[in-house]
Structures are given as structure tokens and as C-alpha cells.
């Protein structure tokens, strides 16, 4: 009886020791796993921070490239605007040269038409002698047909337009179109008729610019007329119509100066972009 009790007590003691050892081993394994998990989490955090830093760098570079591209487009638009101004100044210089040439011709021929109003007809001559006056020598009738060349009509009409006389300028340009319909200056004359209406009658300007596109589609004035039509529509608040005109400039005349201006309009945030 005594031996059985002692054996049982020894077994219980050994069993208790075994349980404590297992618990310690499990605790050690848990601590090891926790440490390894912490190291893995730290590594992942470092990798994520590196990826985030790369993304921030890419976003910064993308914004910098976009800003540089926008600045480049603005510079190109400014260059195009300056070229148009230079072309206009060149036209004014040509008009001034034509005016000086007309003045020289008038001094050489005292019977020439006065340049103050070069598009007006000459004063009517009396058909018979005046009572008490000696009969004047009969002058030969003026030859029929145009008396000015296409270039002279164009230069004088442009001069009147620059001086602020659009009605006189329009009369001269229409005379050019009537007398020289196939001349190389006909497209320019038609375009400038539209330009003479820009500030006073948008509907008339629109009609004249559309004639440029219809009658002279291969001229350098055709893309300019389409761009003017886009500006006209934009001023009226017709943004969709303006966008269509700008698209016609870009698609039909991609290498023209006006195509760059139209692209800038299409990419602007004012509502004309596609």
C-alpha cells in the first residue's frame, strides 16, 4: 500500500515537470515567431516607404514635364502672334510704298487722279462751252475698262482700311474682285472684306470669310478665314461651333500658322476643347 502511494506521487511529480517544460518551449517558440514577424513587418514597411517615395518622385517629374510642355506651347503661341504682327507691319510698309509711288506718278502727270480719294471717279467735264467763255479743247474719251492694276487696287484699298475707312476699302476690294477675279490677290481681297466687318457686323464678316473658304480653299487665306470664323463663333458664345471651325483648321491645314493657334484654342480650358 505504501509503495503504491509513493509510485503515484512520483508519477504526478514527473508529469508536472513535463508540463512546465512544454509550456516553456511553446513560449520560446511564440517569442521567436513574434520576433520574426516583427522583422518581416519592418522590412515590408521599409519597402512600402521606398515605393511611396518613388511614386512621389514620378508624380513630381510628371508635373514638371507638364509645366515645361505648357511653357513651350505658350512660347510657340507667342512666336506665332509676333509673326502675324510682323506680317501686318510688312503689309503696312508695302501700302506706304504704293502711296509714295502714286504720289510720284501724280506729280509726273498733273491730270492723274488725286490720291486723296483714289477710288472715287474723276470729276465730270462740261459737255458744252459756257456762255462768254472760250470753248475748251476737247479731250479724248477715257479708255474703257479698269484704270488701276490689281496690285494698285489692293494697295490703295488696304491703305484705306488701315486709315479707318472700311467702306472705301471694301469698294476697292470689290472692284479688284470684279476686274481681276482670277488674280492671286483675289483671295486676299475677299479675306480683307471680311476683316473690314469684324468690329461692326459679325454676320457680314462671317459671310465674307465663308466665301474665302468656298472660293479659295487652296489659298493661304483659307485657314485664316476658318480661324476667324472660330473666333467669331466664340465671341457669340457658340463654343461648339467655334470648336468645329478650329478642328477644320487643324485637320485641313495642319502646317499653317493658324493651325497652331487653333490647337492652342482646342487645348485651352475655356470650353472650346473637344
C-alpha atoms as a PDB file:
ATOM      1  CA  UNK A   1       0.000   0.000   0.000  1.00  0.00           C
ATOM      2  CA  UNK A   2       2.752   2.385   0.896  1.00  0.00           C
ATOM      3  CA  UNK A   3       4.681   1.540  -2.259  1.00  0.00           C
ATOM      4  CA  UNK A   4       1.674   2.282  -4.466  1.00  0.00           C
ATOM      5  CA  UNK A   5       1.224   5.706  -2.914  1.00  0.00           C
ATOM      6  CA  UNK A   6       4.873   6.560  -3.398  1.00  0.00           C
ATOM      7  CA  UNK A   7       4.763   5.448  -7.062  1.00  0.00           C
ATOM      8  CA  UNK A   8       1.673   7.525  -7.688  1.00  0.00           C
ATOM      9  CA  UNK A   9       3.229  10.564  -6.055  1.00  0.00           C
ATOM     10  CA  UNK A  10       6.394  10.151  -8.140  1.00  0.00           C
ATOM     11  CA  UNK A  11       4.340   9.879 -11.345  1.00  0.00           C
ATOM     12  CA  UNK A  12       2.404  13.036 -10.551  1.00  0.00           C
ATOM     13  CA  UNK A  13       5.626  14.907  -9.808  1.00  0.00           C
ATOM     14  CA  UNK A  14       7.223  13.777 -13.095  1.00  0.00           C
ATOM     15  CA  UNK A  15       4.047  14.698 -15.042  1.00  0.00           C
ATOM     16  CA  UNK A  16       4.061  18.233 -13.555  1.00  0.00           C
ATOM     17  CA  UNK A  17       7.698  18.711 -14.554  1.00  0.00           C
ATOM     18  CA  UNK A  18       6.921  17.608 -18.141  1.00  0.00           C
ATOM     19  CA  UNK A  19       4.044  20.102 -18.454  1.00  0.00           C
ATOM     20  CA  UNK A  20       6.175  23.011 -17.266  1.00  0.00           C
ATOM     21  CA  UNK A  21       8.897  22.207 -19.808  1.00  0.00           C
ATOM     22  CA  UNK A  22       6.401  22.062 -22.684  1.00  0.00           C
ATOM     23  CA  UNK A  23       4.968  25.394 -21.689  1.00  0.00           C
ATOM     24  CA  UNK A  24       8.439  26.956 -21.669  1.00  0.00           C
ATOM     25  CA  UNK A  25       9.211  25.554 -25.119  1.00  0.00           C
ATOM     26  CA  UNK A  26       5.934  26.850 -26.504  1.00  0.00           C
ATOM     27  CA  UNK A  27       6.584  30.269 -25.001  1.00  0.00           C
ATOM     28  CA  UNK A  28      10.077  30.327 -26.561  1.00  0.00           C
ATOM     29  CA  UNK A  29       8.659  29.405 -29.964  1.00  0.00           C
ATOM     30  CA  UNK A  30       5.975  32.069 -29.694  1.00  0.00           C
ATOM     31  CA  UNK A  31       8.584  34.687 -28.801  1.00  0.00           C
ATOM     32  CA  UNK A  32      10.725  33.594 -31.757  1.00  0.00           C
ATOM     33  CA  UNK A  33       7.769  33.773 -34.174  1.00  0.00           C
ATOM     34  CA  UNK A  34       6.800  37.183 -32.790  1.00  0.00           C
ATOM     35  CA  UNK A  35      10.329  38.488 -33.344  1.00  0.00           C
ATOM     36  CA  UNK A  36      10.454  37.104 -36.890  1.00  0.00           C
ATOM     37  CA  UNK A  37       7.045  38.598 -37.669  1.00  0.00           C
ATOM     38  CA  UNK A  38       8.170  41.965 -36.336  1.00  0.00           C
ATOM     39  CA  UNK A  39      11.291  41.848 -38.513  1.00  0.00           C
ATOM     40  CA  UNK A  40       9.182  40.908 -41.567  1.00  0.00           C
ATOM     41  CA  UNK A  41       6.731  43.749 -40.857  1.00  0.00           C
ATOM     42  CA  UNK A  42       9.619  46.177 -40.519  1.00  0.00           C
ATOM     43  CA  UNK A  43      11.024  45.029 -43.870  1.00  0.00           C
ATOM     44  CA  UNK A  44       7.633  45.410 -45.565  1.00  0.00           C
ATOM     45  CA  UNK A  45       7.187  48.884 -44.089  1.00  0.00           C
ATOM     46  CA  UNK A  46      10.595  49.909 -45.425  1.00  0.00           C
ATOM     47  CA  UNK A  47       9.738  48.547 -48.868  1.00  0.00           C
ATOM     48  CA  UNK A  48       6.398  50.382 -48.877  1.00  0.00           C
ATOM     49  CA  UNK A  49       8.078  53.638 -47.881  1.00  0.00           C
ATOM     50  CA  UNK A  50      10.563  53.169 -50.730  1.00  0.00           C
ATOM     51  CA  UNK A  51       7.748  52.562 -53.239  1.00  0.00           C
ATOM     52  CA  UNK A  52       5.839  55.615 -51.968  1.00  0.00           C
ATOM     53  CA  UNK A  53       8.976  57.739 -52.326  1.00  0.00           C
ATOM     54  CA  UNK A  54       9.396  56.527 -55.928  1.00  0.00           C
ATOM     55  CA  UNK A  55       5.754  57.330 -56.711  1.00  0.00           C
ATOM     56  CA  UNK A  56       6.119  60.823 -55.250  1.00  0.00           C
ATOM     57  CA  UNK A  57       9.229  61.342 -57.366  1.00  0.00           C
ATOM     58  CA  UNK A  58       7.417  60.171 -60.500  1.00  0.00           C
ATOM     59  CA  UNK A  59       4.462  62.468 -59.800  1.00  0.00           C
ATOM     60  CA  UNK A  60       6.821  65.414 -59.285  1.00  0.00           C
ATOM     61  CA  UNK A  61       8.650  64.678 -62.559  1.00  0.00           C
ATOM     62  CA  UNK A  62       5.357  64.314 -64.398  1.00  0.00           C
ATOM     63  CA  UNK A  63       4.164  67.696 -63.117  1.00  0.00           C
ATOM     64  CA  UNK A  64       7.481  69.293 -64.012  1.00  0.00           C
ATOM     65  CA  UNK A  65       7.329  67.881 -67.561  1.00  0.00           C
ATOM     66  CA  UNK A  66       3.714  69.045 -67.941  1.00  0.00           C
ATOM     67  CA  UNK A  67       4.682  72.544 -66.777  1.00  0.00           C
ATOM     68  CA  UNK A  68       7.640  72.660 -69.168  1.00  0.00           C
ATOM     69  CA  UNK A  69       5.411  71.487 -72.032  1.00  0.00           C
ATOM     70  CA  UNK A  70       2.838  74.146 -71.224  1.00  0.00           C
ATOM     71  CA  UNK A  71       5.531  76.830 -71.149  1.00  0.00           C
ATOM     72  CA  UNK A  72       6.833  75.620 -74.507  1.00  0.00           C
ATOM     73  CA  UNK A  73       3.352  75.774 -76.040  1.00  0.00           C
ATOM     74  CA  UNK A  74       2.875  79.283 -74.669  1.00  0.00           C
ATOM     75  CA  UNK A  75       6.221  80.362 -76.152  1.00  0.00           C
ATOM     76  CA  UNK A  76       5.274  78.907 -79.535  1.00  0.00           C
ATOM     77  CA  UNK A  77       1.917  80.700 -79.450  1.00  0.00           C
ATOM     78  CA  UNK A  78       3.665  83.986 -78.650  1.00  0.00           C
ATOM     79  CA  UNK A  79       6.101  83.448 -81.543  1.00  0.00           C
ATOM     80  CA  UNK A  80       3.173  82.835 -83.902  1.00  0.00           C
ATOM     81  CA  UNK A  81       1.463  86.014 -82.675  1.00  0.00           C
ATOM     82  CA  UNK A  82       4.631  88.021 -83.278  1.00  0.00           C
ATOM     83  CA  UNK A  83       4.951  86.570 -86.785  1.00  0.00           C
ATOM     84  CA  UNK A  84       1.400  87.692 -87.571  1.00  0.00           C
ATOM     85  CA  UNK A  85       2.238  91.172 -86.292  1.00  0.00           C
ATOM     86  CA  UNK A  86       5.364  91.246 -88.487  1.00  0.00           C
ATOM     87  CA  UNK A  87       3.282  90.226 -91.498  1.00  0.00           C
ATOM     88  CA  UNK A  88       0.816  93.029 -90.776  1.00  0.00           C
ATOM     89  CA  UNK A  89       3.637  95.580 -90.444  1.00  0.00           C
ATOM     90  CA  UNK A  90       5.092  94.342 -93.715  1.00  0.00           C
ATOM     91  CA  UNK A  91       1.715  94.898 -95.376  1.00  0.00           C
ATOM     92  CA  UNK A  92       1.568  98.447 -93.988  1.00  0.00           C
ATOM     93  CA  UNK A  93       5.071  99.138 -95.341  1.00  0.00           C
ATOM     94  CA  UNK A  94       4.028  97.881 -98.758  1.00  0.00           C
ATOM     95  CA  UNK A  95       0.960 100.119 -98.652  1.00  0.00           C
ATOM     96  CA  UNK A  96       3.154 103.112 -97.790  1.00  0.00           C
ATOM     97  CA  UNK A  97       5.462 102.353-100.725  1.00  0.00           C
ATOM     98  CA  UNK A  98       2.462 102.166-103.033  1.00  0.00           C
ATOM     99  CA  UNK A  99       1.209 105.512-101.717  1.00  0.00           C
ATOM    100  CA  UNK A 100       4.574 107.134-102.406  1.00  0.00           C
ATOM    101  CA  UNK A 101       4.624 105.624-105.883  1.00  0.00           C
ATOM    102  CA  UNK A 102       1.134 107.019-106.572  1.00  0.00           C
ATOM    103  CA  UNK A 103       2.233 110.473-105.415  1.00  0.00           C
ATOM    104  CA  UNK A 104       5.262 110.359-107.718  1.00  0.00           C
ATOM    105  CA  UNK A 105       3.084 109.329-110.657  1.00  0.00           C
ATOM    106  CA  UNK A 106       0.640 112.158-109.891  1.00  0.00           C
ATOM    107  CA  UNK A 107       3.466 114.722-109.912  1.00  0.00           C
ATOM    108  CA  UNK A 108       4.647 113.411-113.263  1.00  0.00           C
ATOM    109  CA  UNK A 109       1.114 113.522-114.707  1.00  0.00           C
ATOM    110  CA  UNK A 110      -0.894 116.572-113.490  1.00  0.00           C
ATOM    111  CA  UNK A 111      -4.067 115.069-114.988  1.00  0.00           C
ATOM    112  CA  UNK A 112      -3.783 111.917-112.890  1.00  0.00           C
ATOM    113  CA  UNK A 113      -6.417 111.147-110.298  1.00  0.00           C
ATOM    114  CA  UNK A 114      -5.904 112.700-106.863  1.00  0.00           C
ATOM    115  CA  UNK A 115      -4.662 110.162-104.249  1.00  0.00           C
ATOM    116  CA  UNK A 116      -6.833 111.753-101.530  1.00  0.00           C
ATOM    117  CA  UNK A 117      -9.663 109.513-102.687  1.00  0.00           C
ATOM    118  CA  UNK A 118      -8.165 107.156-105.291  1.00  0.00           C
ATOM    119  CA  UNK A 119     -11.289 105.074-105.635  1.00  0.00           C
ATOM    120  CA  UNK A 120     -13.660 107.948-106.499  1.00  0.00           C
ATOM    121  CA  UNK A 121     -14.436 108.699-110.185  1.00  0.00           C
ATOM    122  CA  UNK A 122     -12.857 111.778-111.829  1.00  0.00           C
ATOM    123  CA  UNK A 123     -14.922 114.987-111.837  1.00  0.00           C
ATOM    124  CA  UNK A 124     -17.370 115.321-114.717  1.00  0.00           C
ATOM    125  CA  UNK A 125     -16.287 117.601-117.552  1.00  0.00           C
ATOM    126  CA  UNK A 126     -18.735 120.116-119.071  1.00  0.00           C
ATOM    127  CA  UNK A 127     -20.387 118.840-122.243  1.00  0.00           C
ATOM    128  CA  UNK A 128     -20.562 122.190-123.989  1.00  0.00           C
ATOM    129  CA  UNK A 129     -18.992 125.657-123.872  1.00  0.00           C
ATOM    130  CA  UNK A 130     -20.083 128.122-121.217  1.00  0.00           C
ATOM    131  CA  UNK A 131     -21.644 131.396-122.374  1.00  0.00           C
ATOM    132  CA  UNK A 132     -18.989 134.034-122.606  1.00  0.00           C
ATOM    133  CA  UNK A 133     -16.145 131.627-122.255  1.00  0.00           C
ATOM    134  CA  UNK A 134     -13.857 130.338-124.920  1.00  0.00           C
ATOM    135  CA  UNK A 135     -14.559 126.795-125.987  1.00  0.00           C
ATOM    136  CA  UNK A 136     -12.260 124.415-124.210  1.00  0.00           C
ATOM    137  CA  UNK A 137     -10.130 121.997-126.146  1.00  0.00           C
ATOM    138  CA  UNK A 138     -11.885 118.647-126.389  1.00  0.00           C
ATOM    139  CA  UNK A 139     -10.033 115.833-124.573  1.00  0.00           C
ATOM    140  CA  UNK A 140     -10.187 112.290-125.931  1.00  0.00           C
ATOM    141  CA  UNK A 141     -12.560 109.978-124.035  1.00  0.00           C
ATOM    142  CA  UNK A 142     -11.021 107.886-121.289  1.00  0.00           C
ATOM    143  CA  UNK A 143     -10.402 104.278-122.291  1.00  0.00           C
ATOM    144  CA  UNK A 144     -12.956 101.817-121.016  1.00  0.00           C
ATOM    145  CA  UNK A 145     -12.031  99.106-118.514  1.00  0.00           C
ATOM    146  CA  UNK A 146     -10.047  99.176-115.272  1.00  0.00           C
ATOM    147  CA  UNK A 147      -7.538 102.014-114.927  1.00  0.00           C
ATOM    148  CA  UNK A 148      -5.617 100.537-111.994  1.00  0.00           C
ATOM    149  CA  UNK A 149      -3.795  97.249-111.816  1.00  0.00           C
ATOM    150  CA  UNK A 150      -4.784  94.555-109.324  1.00  0.00           C
ATOM    151  CA  UNK A 151      -1.767  95.349-107.167  1.00  0.00           C
ATOM    152  CA  UNK A 152      -2.553  99.066-107.148  1.00  0.00           C
ATOM    153  CA  UNK A 153      -6.196  98.441-106.259  1.00  0.00           C
ATOM    154  CA  UNK A 154      -5.133  96.110-103.456  1.00  0.00           C
ATOM    155  CA  UNK A 155      -2.535  98.500-102.037  1.00  0.00           C
ATOM    156  CA  UNK A 156      -4.833 101.526-102.134  1.00  0.00           C
ATOM    157  CA  UNK A 157      -7.739  99.605-100.587  1.00  0.00           C
ATOM    158  CA  UNK A 158      -5.534  98.234 -97.844  1.00  0.00           C
ATOM    159  CA  UNK A 159      -4.312 101.757 -97.170  1.00  0.00           C
ATOM    160  CA  UNK A 160      -7.905 102.941 -96.755  1.00  0.00           C
ATOM    161  CA  UNK A 161      -8.637 100.048 -94.391  1.00  0.00           C
ATOM    162  CA  UNK A 162      -5.635 100.894 -92.227  1.00  0.00           C
ATOM    163  CA  UNK A 163      -6.675 104.534 -92.159  1.00  0.00           C
ATOM    164  CA  UNK A 164     -10.087 103.659 -90.734  1.00  0.00           C
ATOM    165  CA  UNK A 165     -12.178 103.901 -93.909  1.00  0.00           C
ATOM    166  CA  UNK A 166     -13.645 100.390 -94.217  1.00  0.00           C
ATOM    167  CA  UNK A 167     -16.417 101.414 -96.647  1.00  0.00           C
ATOM    168  CA  UNK A 168     -13.913 102.840 -99.143  1.00  0.00           C
ATOM    169  CA  UNK A 169     -11.648  99.831 -98.627  1.00  0.00           C
ATOM    170  CA  UNK A 170     -14.491  97.414 -99.311  1.00  0.00           C
ATOM    171  CA  UNK A 171     -15.360  99.256-102.520  1.00  0.00           C
ATOM    172  CA  UNK A 172     -11.763  98.930-103.693  1.00  0.00           C
ATOM    173  CA  UNK A 173     -11.504  95.256-102.824  1.00  0.00           C
ATOM    174  CA  UNK A 174     -14.799  94.525-104.588  1.00  0.00           C
ATOM    175  CA  UNK A 175     -13.525  96.423-107.633  1.00  0.00           C
ATOM    176  CA  UNK A 176     -10.458  94.181-107.617  1.00  0.00           C
ATOM    177  CA  UNK A 177     -12.642  91.055-107.426  1.00  0.00           C
ATOM    178  CA  UNK A 178     -14.801  92.352-110.271  1.00  0.00           C
ATOM    179  CA  UNK A 179     -11.951  93.348-112.615  1.00  0.00           C
ATOM    180  CA  UNK A 180      -9.422  90.646-111.671  1.00  0.00           C
ATOM    181  CA  UNK A 181     -11.416  87.622-110.390  1.00  0.00           C
ATOM    182  CA  UNK A 182      -8.569  85.179-111.133  1.00  0.00           C
ATOM    183  CA  UNK A 183      -5.725  87.274-109.799  1.00  0.00           C
ATOM    184  CA  UNK A 184      -3.536  85.916-106.996  1.00  0.00           C
ATOM    185  CA  UNK A 185      -4.672  88.848-104.819  1.00  0.00           C
ATOM    186  CA  UNK A 186      -8.359  87.921-105.100  1.00  0.00           C
ATOM    187  CA  UNK A 187      -8.268  85.660-102.005  1.00  0.00           C
ATOM    188  CA  UNK A 188      -6.546  88.399-100.011  1.00  0.00           C
ATOM    189  CA  UNK A 189      -9.130  90.956-101.113  1.00  0.00           C
ATOM    190  CA  UNK A 190     -12.026  88.667-100.158  1.00  0.00           C
ATOM    191  CA  UNK A 191     -10.457  87.982 -96.751  1.00  0.00           C
ATOM    192  CA  UNK A 192      -9.895  91.681 -96.044  1.00  0.00           C
ATOM    193  CA  UNK A 193     -13.516  92.441 -96.908  1.00  0.00           C
ATOM    194  CA  UNK A 194     -14.443  90.086 -94.083  1.00  0.00           C
ATOM    195  CA  UNK A 195     -11.874  91.686 -91.812  1.00  0.00           C
ATOM    196  CA  UNK A 196     -13.355  95.132 -92.509  1.00  0.00           C
ATOM    197  CA  UNK A 197     -16.619  93.918 -90.916  1.00  0.00           C
ATOM    198  CA  UNK A 198     -15.031  92.317 -87.822  1.00  0.00           C
ATOM    199  CA  UNK A 199     -15.693  95.158 -85.403  1.00  0.00           C
ATOM    200  CA  UNK A 200     -19.071  96.327 -86.704  1.00  0.00           C
ATOM    201  CA  UNK A 201     -21.093  93.458 -88.189  1.00  0.00           C
ATOM    202  CA  UNK A 202     -20.284  89.885 -87.170  1.00  0.00           C
ATOM    203  CA  UNK A 203     -22.840  88.379 -89.578  1.00  0.00           C
ATOM    204  CA  UNK A 204     -21.380  90.186 -92.582  1.00  0.00           C
ATOM    205  CA  UNK A 205     -17.860  89.190 -91.531  1.00  0.00           C
ATOM    206  CA  UNK A 206     -18.978  85.561 -91.227  1.00  0.00           C
ATOM    207  CA  UNK A 207     -20.491  85.590 -94.723  1.00  0.00           C
ATOM    208  CA  UNK A 208     -17.339  87.082 -96.291  1.00  0.00           C
ATOM    209  CA  UNK A 209     -14.993  84.648 -94.502  1.00  0.00           C
ATOM    210  CA  UNK A 210     -17.102  81.713 -95.655  1.00  0.00           C
ATOM    211  CA  UNK A 211     -16.693  82.951 -99.244  1.00  0.00           C
ATOM    212  CA  UNK A 212     -12.932  82.788 -98.780  1.00  0.00           C
ATOM    213  CA  UNK A 213     -13.152  79.123 -97.756  1.00  0.00           C
ATOM    214  CA  UNK A 214     -15.588  78.281-100.559  1.00  0.00           C
ATOM    215  CA  UNK A 215     -13.902  80.137-103.425  1.00  0.00           C
ATOM    216  CA  UNK A 216     -10.230  79.941-102.424  1.00  0.00           C
ATOM    217  CA  UNK A 217      -9.765  76.728-100.397  1.00  0.00           C
ATOM    218  CA  UNK A 218      -6.136  76.332-101.512  1.00  0.00           C
ATOM    219  CA  UNK A 219      -5.051  79.867-100.632  1.00  0.00           C
ATOM    220  CA  UNK A 220      -3.153  80.883 -97.519  1.00  0.00           C
ATOM    221  CA  UNK A 221      -6.206  82.907 -96.501  1.00  0.00           C
ATOM    222  CA  UNK A 222      -8.452  79.834 -96.182  1.00  0.00           C
ATOM    223  CA  UNK A 223      -7.095  78.647 -92.778  1.00  0.00           C
ATOM    224  CA  UNK A 224      -7.022  82.269 -91.586  1.00  0.00           C
ATOM    225  CA  UNK A 225     -10.693  82.655 -92.565  1.00  0.00           C
ATOM    226  CA  UNK A 226     -11.639  79.445 -90.733  1.00  0.00           C
ATOM    227  CA  UNK A 227      -9.783  80.618 -87.629  1.00  0.00           C
ATOM    228  CA  UNK A 228     -11.551  83.986 -87.820  1.00  0.00           C
ATOM    229  CA  UNK A 229     -14.878  82.156 -88.103  1.00  0.00           C
ATOM    230  CA  UNK A 230     -13.970  80.236 -84.934  1.00  0.00           C
ATOM    231  CA  UNK A 231     -13.185  83.460 -83.091  1.00  0.00           C
ATOM    232  CA  UNK A 232     -16.442  84.949 -84.362  1.00  0.00           C
ATOM    233  CA  UNK A 233     -18.440  81.966 -83.058  1.00  0.00           C
ATOM    234  CA  UNK A 234     -16.588  82.053 -79.744  1.00  0.00           C
ATOM    235  CA  UNK A 235     -17.455  85.724 -79.232  1.00  0.00           C
ATOM    236  CA  UNK A 236     -21.124  84.889 -79.857  1.00  0.00           C
ATOM    237  CA  UNK A 237     -20.955  82.166 -77.181  1.00  0.00           C
ATOM    238  CA  UNK A 238     -21.256  79.330 -79.713  1.00  0.00           C
ATOM    239  CA  UNK A 239     -18.440  77.218 -78.278  1.00  0.00           C
ATOM    240  CA  UNK A 240     -19.420  74.078 -80.164  1.00  0.00           C
ATOM    241  CA  UNK A 241     -19.413  75.960 -83.477  1.00  0.00           C
ATOM    242  CA  UNK A 242     -16.047  77.524 -82.625  1.00  0.00           C
ATOM    243  CA  UNK A 243     -14.630  74.094 -81.811  1.00  0.00           C
ATOM    244  CA  UNK A 244     -15.743  72.752 -85.208  1.00  0.00           C
ATOM    245  CA  UNK A 245     -14.059  75.639 -87.045  1.00  0.00           C
ATOM    246  CA  UNK A 246     -10.823  75.109 -85.096  1.00  0.00           C
ATOM    247  CA  UNK A 247     -10.932  71.388 -85.880  1.00  0.00           C
ATOM    248  CA  UNK A 248     -11.328  72.213 -89.581  1.00  0.00           C
ATOM    249  CA  UNK A 249      -8.225  74.386 -89.428  1.00  0.00           C
ATOM    250  CA  UNK A 250      -6.174  71.649 -87.731  1.00  0.00           C
ATOM    251  CA  UNK A 251      -7.394  68.823 -89.983  1.00  0.00           C
ATOM    252  CA  UNK A 252      -7.473  70.706 -93.296  1.00  0.00           C
ATOM    253  CA  UNK A 253      -4.391  72.920 -92.880  1.00  0.00           C
ATOM    254  CA  UNK A 254      -2.192  71.189 -90.245  1.00  0.00           C
ATOM    255  CA  UNK A 255       1.001  73.047 -91.227  1.00  0.00           C
ATOM    256  CA  UNK A 256      -0.454  76.548 -91.311  1.00  0.00           C
ATOM    257  CA  UNK A 257       0.280  79.205 -88.694  1.00  0.00           C
ATOM    258  CA  UNK A 258      -3.395  79.275 -87.789  1.00  0.00           C
ATOM    259  CA  UNK A 259      -3.333  75.522 -87.044  1.00  0.00           C
ATOM    260  CA  UNK A 260      -1.028  76.150 -84.073  1.00  0.00           C
ATOM    261  CA  UNK A 261      -3.348  78.864 -82.809  1.00  0.00           C
ATOM    262  CA  UNK A 262      -6.357  76.570 -83.291  1.00  0.00           C
ATOM    263  CA  UNK A 263      -4.646  73.751 -81.365  1.00  0.00           C
ATOM    264  CA  UNK A 264      -3.998  76.138 -78.508  1.00  0.00           C
ATOM    265  CA  UNK A 265      -7.676  77.090 -78.516  1.00  0.00           C
ATOM    266  CA  UNK A 266      -8.762  73.439 -78.523  1.00  0.00           C
ATOM    267  CA  UNK A 267      -6.473  72.675 -75.578  1.00  0.00           C
ATOM    268  CA  UNK A 268      -7.494  75.731 -73.556  1.00  0.00           C
ATOM    269  CA  UNK A 269      -9.791  75.359 -70.504  1.00  0.00           C
ATOM    270  CA  UNK A 270     -12.338  77.908 -71.754  1.00  0.00           C
ATOM    271  CA  UNK A 271     -14.796  75.364 -73.059  1.00  0.00           C
ATOM    272  CA  UNK A 272     -13.656  75.060 -76.699  1.00  0.00           C
ATOM    273  CA  UNK A 273     -11.665  71.916 -76.110  1.00  0.00           C
ATOM    274  CA  UNK A 274     -13.116  68.686 -77.529  1.00  0.00           C
END
